[in-house]
């Protein structure tokens, strides 16, 4: 049996819907910012419970636009080192400086105590990343901390379509949320992103920045320094299709997660990440910790070569602060030239000083695995995944 990293199944009726809607787009002659863009926007706002939603070209652009819509420039923004580097790059591209923070191994999300230690007079925002589709139970503590320190709380929801805590949806827990629709995500349009917010000024400004700064109140004359971060009607139409199937996608992913929850109770050497009852996850990843005696690379090698089971990428194996980009650039995106920092704010900016001290994130990066989880995995395939993992761990323990 072969279990690949990912499958993206489209049923025949879904393909028929897409083909029909494609013809409608061509017949309309409107290929961007048309009917489907507005429909996608409305459906996603309803899906998350947010007042406003803005479709954009990708999740990274969504984060950058939020930071720019908030008027942040030349400030410090706290980001977990355990995230995809695009989160940090959005801070730099918006003209700000990245401050990395540690993560809690029990939630994979920001360690609130470490965040407190990294706040300075230059800090203006915190980006909370819902890693793997998990909203940390400490999110309400983080909300209070940000309110006390007059900081914006921004959500990176790239992994969190449909996730919630205490009935509150991802994308509505801070000033704004940023979603991605990359092919690996719970809902996908190939490429694409979405901003959600309950703040009307942020919504209006984000919508303008997304569209070259055009202001609808000024007959689309440009009142912002904008960019082309629009989505095409083709992308938006796929978004509409994905919103229609979202309930079934979420139900399927939760079925698979429940199967693993039960089956892994009989497997020694691996511990699933347990979610609190108030946390509703759509399981972008199914995450479990290996006992520290195991070498993850060896486990993945045996699973793939002997059993044909490919584990998905971790979240994350390489922490942001360890990436080689910082050998050549500072944390505010300035180039290092022959060891010197080319930053006009140096040394007060301190962007050239190496950041460290992330034990929780280091543990996460070294010891977790992500089991296959996508629509269409049969019970027989799931049984085979668990059987293969159990045999692999037993074999490696004997060695």
Protein backbone atom coordinates (compact mmCIF):
# COMPACT_ATOMS: atom_id res chain seq x y z
CA UNK A 1 0.00 0.00 0.00
CA UNK A 2 1.20 3.52 -0.78
CA UNK A 3 0.18 6.52 1.35
CA UNK A 4 1.37 9.78 -0.26
CA UNK A 5 2.00 13.07 1.54
CA UNK A 6 -1.13 14.65 0.08
CA UNK A 7 -4.13 14.08 -2.16
CA UNK A 8 -6.46 16.86 -3.28
CA UNK A 9 -9.59 15.05 -4.45
CA UNK A 10 -12.29 16.71 -6.55
CA UNK A 11 -15.48 14.70 -7.05
CA UNK A 12 -17.08 14.58 -10.50
CA UNK A 13 -19.91 16.87 -9.42
CA UNK A 14 -17.34 19.38 -8.13
CA UNK A 15 -15.48 19.29 -11.44
CA UNK A 16 -18.78 19.81 -13.27
CA UNK A 17 -19.56 22.84 -11.08
CA UNK A 18 -16.10 24.32 -11.74
CA UNK A 19 -16.42 23.79 -15.51
CA UNK A 20 -19.85 25.45 -15.57
CA UNK A 21 -18.68 28.43 -13.54
CA UNK A 22 -15.56 28.81 -15.71
CA UNK A 23 -17.78 29.24 -18.75
CA UNK A 24 -19.79 31.89 -16.92
CA UNK A 25 -16.61 33.82 -16.11
CA UNK A 26 -15.47 33.76 -19.73
CA UNK A 27 -18.91 34.82 -20.92
CA UNK A 28 -19.02 37.71 -18.44
CA UNK A 29 -15.73 39.19 -19.65
CA UNK A 30 -14.88 40.12 -16.04
CA UNK A 31 -11.76 38.25 -14.97
CA UNK A 32 -10.95 40.04 -11.71
CA UNK A 33 -12.78 41.87 -8.89
CA UNK A 34 -16.16 40.66 -10.10
CA UNK A 35 -19.11 38.58 -8.94
CA UNK A 36 -17.12 35.64 -7.59
CA UNK A 37 -14.68 37.80 -5.64
CA UNK A 38 -17.58 39.46 -3.83
CA UNK A 39 -19.38 36.15 -3.29
CA UNK A 40 -16.22 34.52 -1.89
CA UNK A 41 -15.75 37.49 0.42
CA UNK A 42 -19.29 37.24 1.75
CA UNK A 43 -19.21 33.47 2.22
CA UNK A 44 -15.92 33.57 4.10
CA UNK A 45 -17.05 36.38 6.39
CA UNK A 46 -20.12 34.31 7.27
CA UNK A 47 -17.98 31.18 7.70
CA UNK A 48 -15.75 32.86 10.30
CA UNK A 49 -18.35 35.11 11.87
CA UNK A 50 -16.29 38.20 10.99
CA UNK A 51 -18.01 41.41 9.91
CA UNK A 52 -15.64 41.91 6.98
CA UNK A 53 -13.44 39.83 4.70
CA UNK A 54 -11.01 40.87 1.95
CA UNK A 55 -9.83 38.29 -0.63
CA UNK A 56 -6.16 38.75 -1.54
CA UNK A 57 -3.48 37.01 -3.57
CA UNK A 58 -1.98 34.90 -0.76
CA UNK A 59 -1.66 34.54 3.00
CA UNK A 60 1.65 36.40 3.20
CA UNK A 61 0.12 39.39 1.44
CA UNK A 62 -2.81 39.23 3.87
CA UNK A 63 -0.45 39.65 6.84
CA UNK A 64 1.50 42.45 5.19
CA UNK A 65 -1.68 44.33 4.28
CA UNK A 66 -2.96 44.06 7.86
CA UNK A 67 0.26 45.53 9.23
CA UNK A 68 0.14 48.35 6.69
CA UNK A 69 -3.57 48.99 7.29
CA UNK A 70 -2.75 49.45 10.99
CA UNK A 71 -0.18 52.09 10.08
CA UNK A 72 2.76 50.16 11.56
CA UNK A 73 6.21 51.11 10.25
CA UNK A 74 9.63 51.01 11.90
CA UNK A 75 8.18 49.15 14.90
CA UNK A 76 8.81 45.80 16.59
CA UNK A 77 6.38 42.96 15.92
CA UNK A 78 6.57 39.74 17.97
CA UNK A 79 6.31 36.52 15.95
CA UNK A 80 6.82 32.89 17.03
CA UNK A 81 10.06 31.37 15.81
CA UNK A 82 8.02 28.18 15.30
CA UNK A 83 6.19 29.23 12.14
CA UNK A 84 6.72 29.42 8.39
CA UNK A 85 9.18 32.20 7.61
CA UNK A 86 6.55 34.02 5.54
CA UNK A 87 5.03 35.26 8.81
CA UNK A 88 8.28 37.03 9.63
CA UNK A 89 8.80 38.22 6.06
CA UNK A 90 5.40 39.98 6.14
CA UNK A 91 6.70 42.03 9.07
CA UNK A 92 9.82 43.01 7.16
CA UNK A 93 7.97 43.75 3.91
CA UNK A 94 5.67 46.11 5.81
CA UNK A 95 8.70 48.08 7.05
CA UNK A 96 8.93 46.67 10.57
CA UNK A 97 11.32 44.54 12.63
CA UNK A 98 10.80 40.92 13.65
CA UNK A 99 11.16 39.91 17.27
CA UNK A 100 11.00 36.14 17.62
CA UNK A 101 9.42 34.48 20.65
CA UNK A 102 9.28 30.96 22.10
CA UNK A 103 6.42 28.44 21.81
CA UNK A 104 4.67 26.10 24.23
CA UNK A 105 5.20 22.40 23.29
CA UNK A 106 1.69 21.53 24.54
CA UNK A 107 -0.01 23.91 22.10
CA UNK A 108 2.75 24.66 19.52
CA UNK A 109 1.66 28.31 19.86
CA UNK A 110 3.26 31.37 21.45
CA UNK A 111 4.55 31.04 25.01
CA UNK A 112 2.81 33.97 26.72
CA UNK A 113 5.43 34.30 29.47
CA UNK A 114 8.19 34.54 26.89
CA UNK A 115 6.19 37.14 24.94
CA UNK A 116 6.02 39.27 28.09
CA UNK A 117 9.81 39.23 28.38
CA UNK A 118 10.27 40.39 24.77
CA UNK A 119 7.94 43.39 24.87
CA UNK A 120 9.73 46.77 24.83
CA UNK A 121 8.74 50.38 24.23
CA UNK A 122 9.19 49.72 20.48
CA UNK A 123 6.73 46.78 20.39
CA UNK A 124 3.44 47.53 18.62
CA UNK A 125 1.96 44.16 17.67
CA UNK A 126 1.97 40.42 18.35
CA UNK A 127 1.21 37.85 15.65
CA UNK A 128 -0.34 34.67 17.03
CA UNK A 129 0.00 31.70 14.66
CA UNK A 130 -2.54 28.90 15.13
CA UNK A 131 -0.02 26.15 14.34
CA UNK A 132 -1.51 22.94 12.96
CA UNK A 133 -5.04 24.25 13.47
CA UNK A 134 -4.65 24.64 17.24
CA UNK A 135 -5.81 27.76 19.05
CA UNK A 136 -3.93 28.06 22.32
CA UNK A 137 -6.12 28.14 25.45
CA UNK A 138 -3.89 31.06 26.50
CA UNK A 139 -5.30 33.22 23.71
CA UNK A 140 -7.50 35.11 26.15
CA UNK A 141 -4.49 35.82 28.38
CA UNK A 142 -2.72 37.11 25.28
CA UNK A 143 -5.70 39.32 24.45
CA UNK A 144 -5.55 40.86 27.93
CA UNK A 145 -1.78 41.34 27.73
CA UNK A 146 -2.07 43.12 24.39
CA UNK A 147 -4.86 45.34 25.69
CA UNK A 148 -2.81 46.26 28.79
CA UNK A 149 0.29 47.09 26.72
CA UNK A 150 -1.62 48.83 23.92
CA UNK A 151 -0.53 46.27 21.34
CA UNK A 152 -2.36 44.96 18.30
CA UNK A 153 -3.08 41.22 18.32
CA UNK A 154 -2.96 39.82 14.78
CA UNK A 155 -3.83 36.22 13.88
CA UNK A 156 -1.98 34.13 11.33
CA UNK A 157 -4.77 31.67 10.48
CA UNK A 158 -3.07 29.90 7.57
CA UNK A 159 -3.64 26.57 9.36
CA UNK A 160 -6.93 27.40 11.03
CA UNK A 161 -9.87 27.45 8.59
CA UNK A 162 -12.96 26.73 10.68
CA UNK A 163 -11.08 26.39 13.98
CA UNK A 164 -12.50 27.93 17.13
CA UNK A 165 -12.18 28.20 20.91
CA UNK A 166 -15.15 28.63 23.23
CA UNK A 167 -17.25 29.12 20.11
CA UNK A 168 -15.12 32.00 18.80
CA UNK A 169 -13.67 31.47 15.34
CA UNK A 170 -10.07 31.92 14.27
CA UNK A 171 -9.83 35.26 12.49
CA UNK A 172 -12.05 37.04 15.03
CA UNK A 173 -9.82 36.85 18.12
CA UNK A 174 -7.60 39.84 17.31
CA UNK A 175 -7.78 43.07 15.34
CA UNK A 176 -7.56 41.02 12.11
CA UNK A 177 -6.76 37.55 10.80
CA UNK A 178 -4.88 36.31 7.73
CA UNK A 179 -5.78 33.04 5.95
CA UNK A 180 -4.01 31.11 3.19
CA UNK A 181 -5.54 28.91 0.49
CA UNK A 182 -2.31 27.21 -0.65
CA UNK A 183 -2.80 23.61 -1.91
CA UNK A 184 -1.81 22.01 1.41
CA UNK A 185 -4.38 23.99 3.40
CA UNK A 186 -7.73 22.74 4.78
CA UNK A 187 -9.49 24.75 2.05
CA UNK A 188 -7.58 25.55 -1.13
CA UNK A 189 -7.83 27.69 -4.24
CA UNK A 190 -4.29 26.83 -5.39
CA UNK A 191 -3.06 30.26 -4.38
CA UNK A 192 -4.96 32.94 -2.53
CA UNK A 193 -5.55 34.50 0.86
CA UNK A 194 -8.15 36.27 2.96
CA UNK A 195 -8.19 39.02 5.58
CA UNK A 196 -10.91 38.95 8.25
CA UNK A 197 -11.67 41.75 10.69
CA UNK A 198 -14.45 43.33 12.72
CA UNK A 199 -12.78 46.74 12.44
CA UNK A 200 -14.28 48.87 9.66
CA UNK A 201 -11.26 51.24 9.21
CA UNK A 202 -8.93 48.24 8.88
CA UNK A 203 -11.29 46.64 6.37
CA UNK A 204 -11.61 49.76 4.24
CA UNK A 205 -7.89 50.45 4.22
CA UNK A 206 -6.99 46.81 3.53
CA UNK A 207 -9.39 46.72 0.59
CA UNK A 208 -7.71 49.81 -0.88
CA UNK A 209 -4.14 48.58 -0.34
CA UNK A 210 -5.12 45.32 -2.05
CA UNK A 211 -6.22 47.22 -5.16
CA UNK A 212 -3.40 49.71 -5.88
CA UNK A 213 -4.73 52.12 -3.23
CA UNK A 214 -7.95 52.92 -5.12
CA UNK A 215 -10.48 54.69 -2.91
CA UNK A 216 -14.13 53.94 -3.84
CA UNK A 217 -15.22 57.10 -2.01
CA UNK A 218 -13.07 59.14 -4.41
CA UNK A 219 -14.26 57.50 -7.63
CA UNK A 220 -11.35 55.03 -7.36
CA UNK A 221 -8.71 57.73 -7.30
CA UNK A 222 -5.71 56.52 -5.33
CA UNK A 223 -5.44 57.68 -1.73
CA UNK A 224 -3.14 54.91 -0.42
CA UNK A 225 0.24 53.52 -1.49
CA UNK A 226 -1.26 50.28 -2.65
CA UNK A 227 -0.19 47.17 -4.48
CA UNK A 228 -1.72 44.56 -6.78
CA UNK A 229 -2.73 41.91 -4.25
CA UNK A 230 -6.03 41.05 -5.96
CA UNK A 231 -7.36 37.58 -6.70
CA UNK A 232 -8.63 36.60 -10.13
CA UNK A 233 -12.22 35.59 -10.69
CA UNK A 234 -10.95 32.04 -11.36
CA UNK A 235 -9.37 31.87 -7.92
CA UNK A 236 -12.44 33.40 -6.28
CA UNK A 237 -14.73 30.93 -8.05
CA UNK A 238 -12.68 28.06 -6.61
CA UNK A 239 -13.07 29.80 -3.26
CA UNK A 240 -16.84 29.72 -3.63
CA UNK A 241 -16.65 26.02 -4.48
CA UNK A 242 -14.47 25.36 -1.42
CA UNK A 243 -16.84 27.24 0.87
CA UNK A 244 -19.71 25.08 -0.38
CA UNK A 245 -17.81 21.91 0.55
CA UNK A 246 -16.22 23.24 3.78
CA UNK A 247 -18.58 21.38 6.18
CA UNK A 248 -17.85 18.01 4.56
CA UNK A 249 -14.09 18.70 4.44
CA UNK A 250 -14.03 19.56 8.13
CA UNK A 251 -16.14 16.53 9.06
CA UNK A 252 -13.79 14.25 7.12
CA UNK A 253 -10.65 15.64 8.74
CA UNK A 254 -12.13 15.25 12.19
CA UNK A 255 -13.08 11.64 11.40
CA UNK A 256 -9.47 10.88 10.57
CA UNK A 257 -8.19 12.65 13.69
CA UNK A 258 -10.57 10.68 15.92
CA UNK A 259 -9.34 7.45 14.34
CA UNK A 260 -5.73 8.34 15.17
CA UNK A 261 -6.68 9.44 18.69
CA UNK A 262 -8.02 5.95 19.46
CA UNK A 263 -5.58 3.85 17.45
CA UNK A 264 -2.44 5.48 18.81
CA UNK A 265 -3.39 4.53 22.36
CA UNK A 266 -2.01 1.09 21.48
CA UNK A 267 1.26 2.38 20.02
CA UNK A 268 4.23 2.79 22.35
CA UNK A 269 6.80 5.46 21.63
CA UNK A 270 4.44 8.14 20.32
CA UNK A 271 2.17 10.61 22.13
CA UNK A 272 -0.58 12.49 20.28
CA UNK A 273 -1.00 16.17 21.06
CA UNK A 274 -4.15 16.38 23.17
CA UNK A 275 -6.53 19.29 22.61
CA UNK A 276 -8.64 20.78 25.38
CA UNK A 277 -12.41 20.31 25.04
CA UNK A 278 -13.03 24.01 24.31
CA UNK A 279 -10.67 23.91 21.31
CA UNK A 280 -12.34 22.95 18.02
CA UNK A 281 -9.74 22.03 15.40
CA UNK A 282 -10.08 21.21 11.73
CA UNK A 283 -6.69 19.47 11.90
CA UNK A 284 -4.49 21.08 9.31
CA UNK A 285 -1.99 18.62 10.76
CA UNK A 286 -2.33 15.61 13.04
CA UNK A 287 0.58 16.12 15.42
CA UNK A 288 2.20 13.61 17.77
CA UNK A 289 5.44 13.56 19.75
CA UNK A 290 7.96 10.76 19.42
CA UNK A 291 9.77 9.57 22.51
CA UNK A 292 13.09 11.38 22.68
CA UNK A 293 15.02 8.15 22.07
CA UNK A 294 13.86 8.08 18.43
CA UNK A 295 15.50 9.82 15.51
CA UNK A 296 12.64 11.35 13.51
CA UNK A 297 14.54 11.23 10.23
CA UNK A 298 15.11 7.50 10.71
CA UNK A 299 11.45 6.92 11.54
CA UNK A 300 10.35 8.74 8.38
CA UNK A 301 12.94 6.87 6.30
CA UNK A 302 11.79 3.41 7.43
CA UNK A 303 8.10 4.32 7.04
CA UNK A 304 8.60 5.48 3.46
CA UNK A 305 11.12 2.92 2.22
CA UNK A 306 9.74 -0.20 3.93
CA UNK A 307 6.02 0.57 4.19
CA UNK A 308 5.33 3.22 1.53
CA UNK A 309 3.95 5.69 4.08
CA UNK A 310 5.06 9.30 3.59
CA UNK A 311 4.72 11.59 6.60
CA UNK A 312 3.85 15.19 5.88
CA UNK A 313 6.17 18.10 6.63
CA UNK A 314 6.57 19.17 10.23
CA UNK A 315 5.33 22.43 11.76
CA UNK A 316 8.16 23.18 11.87
CA UNK A 317 11.46 21.29 11.68
CA UNK A 318 13.49 24.45 10.96
CA UNK A 319 12.80 27.36 13.27
CA UNK A 320 12.70 30.86 11.80
CA UNK A 321 15.63 32.21 13.81
CA UNK A 322 17.89 29.41 12.48
CA UNK A 323 17.36 30.16 8.77
CA UNK A 324 20.48 31.21 6.82
CA UNK A 325 18.78 34.40 5.60
CA UNK A 326 19.88 36.09 8.85
CA UNK A 327 23.52 35.59 7.84
CA UNK A 328 22.93 38.14 5.09
CA UNK A 329 20.08 40.27 6.45
CA UNK A 330 19.03 41.86 9.72
CA UNK A 331 15.70 41.38 11.46
CA UNK A 332 14.34 44.51 9.80
CA UNK A 333 15.47 43.32 6.37
CA UNK A 334 18.62 45.39 5.97
CA UNK A 335 21.57 43.82 4.21
CA UNK A 336 24.69 42.91 6.15
CA UNK A 337 27.70 44.19 4.18
CA UNK A 338 31.06 42.68 5.10
CA UNK A 339 29.84 42.24 8.64
CA UNK A 340 28.45 45.76 8.93
CA UNK A 341 24.76 46.52 9.31
CA UNK A 342 23.34 48.81 6.62
CA UNK A 343 20.50 50.22 8.73
CA UNK A 344 19.92 53.95 9.13
CA UNK A 345 18.43 53.34 12.58
CA UNK A 346 21.45 51.35 13.82
CA UNK A 347 22.46 50.95 16.62
CA UNK A 348 19.16 51.99 18.25
CA UNK A 349 17.30 49.54 16.02
CA UNK A 350 19.46 46.62 17.29
CA UNK A 351 18.28 44.67 14.24
CA UNK A 352 21.71 43.10 13.75
CA UNK A 353 21.89 41.39 17.13
CA UNK A 354 21.22 37.66 16.99
CA UNK A 355 18.05 36.52 18.76
CA UNK A 356 18.08 33.37 20.90
CA UNK A 357 16.50 31.58 23.84
CA UNK A 358 13.72 29.35 22.43
CA UNK A 359 13.81 26.00 24.32
CA UNK A 360 10.13 25.21 23.83
CA UNK A 361 10.25 25.79 20.09
CA UNK A 362 13.45 23.75 19.84
CA UNK A 363 11.75 20.80 21.52
CA UNK A 364 8.80 21.07 19.14
CA UNK A 365 11.04 21.23 16.09
CA UNK A 366 13.03 18.14 17.07
CA UNK A 367 10.46 15.67 18.37
CA UNK A 368 7.09 15.88 16.62
CA UNK A 369 5.73 14.10 13.56
CA UNK A 370 2.64 14.75 11.41
CA UNK A 371 0.62 11.76 10.26
CA UNK A 372 -1.12 11.70 6.85
CA UNK A 373 -4.42 13.58 7.03
CA UNK A 374 -6.48 14.58 4.01
CA UNK A 375 -9.90 13.89 2.54
CA UNK A 376 -10.39 10.44 1.08
CA UNK A 377 -8.15 8.42 3.41
CA UNK A 378 -10.03 5.17 3.99
CA UNK A 379 -10.15 3.30 7.29
CA UNK A 380 -8.01 0.59 5.73
CA UNK A 381 -5.38 3.16 4.80
CA UNK A 382 -5.51 4.68 8.29
CA UNK A 383 -5.11 1.24 9.87
CA UNK A 384 -2.11 0.67 7.63
CA UNK A 385 -0.53 3.98 8.67
CA UNK A 386 -0.84 3.07 12.37
CA UNK A 387 0.32 -0.52 11.74
CA UNK A 388 3.36 0.76 9.85
CA UNK A 389 4.22 3.33 12.53
CA UNK A 390 3.89 0.73 15.30
CA UNK A 391 6.16 -1.73 13.48
CA UNK A 392 8.67 1.00 12.64
CA UNK A 393 8.96 2.17 16.23
CA UNK A 394 9.28 -1.42 17.49
CA UNK A 395 11.98 -2.19 14.91
CA UNK A 396 13.99 0.94 15.69
CA UNK A 397 13.69 0.35 19.45
CA UNK A 398 15.19 -3.12 19.02
CA UNK A 399 18.15 -1.64 17.17
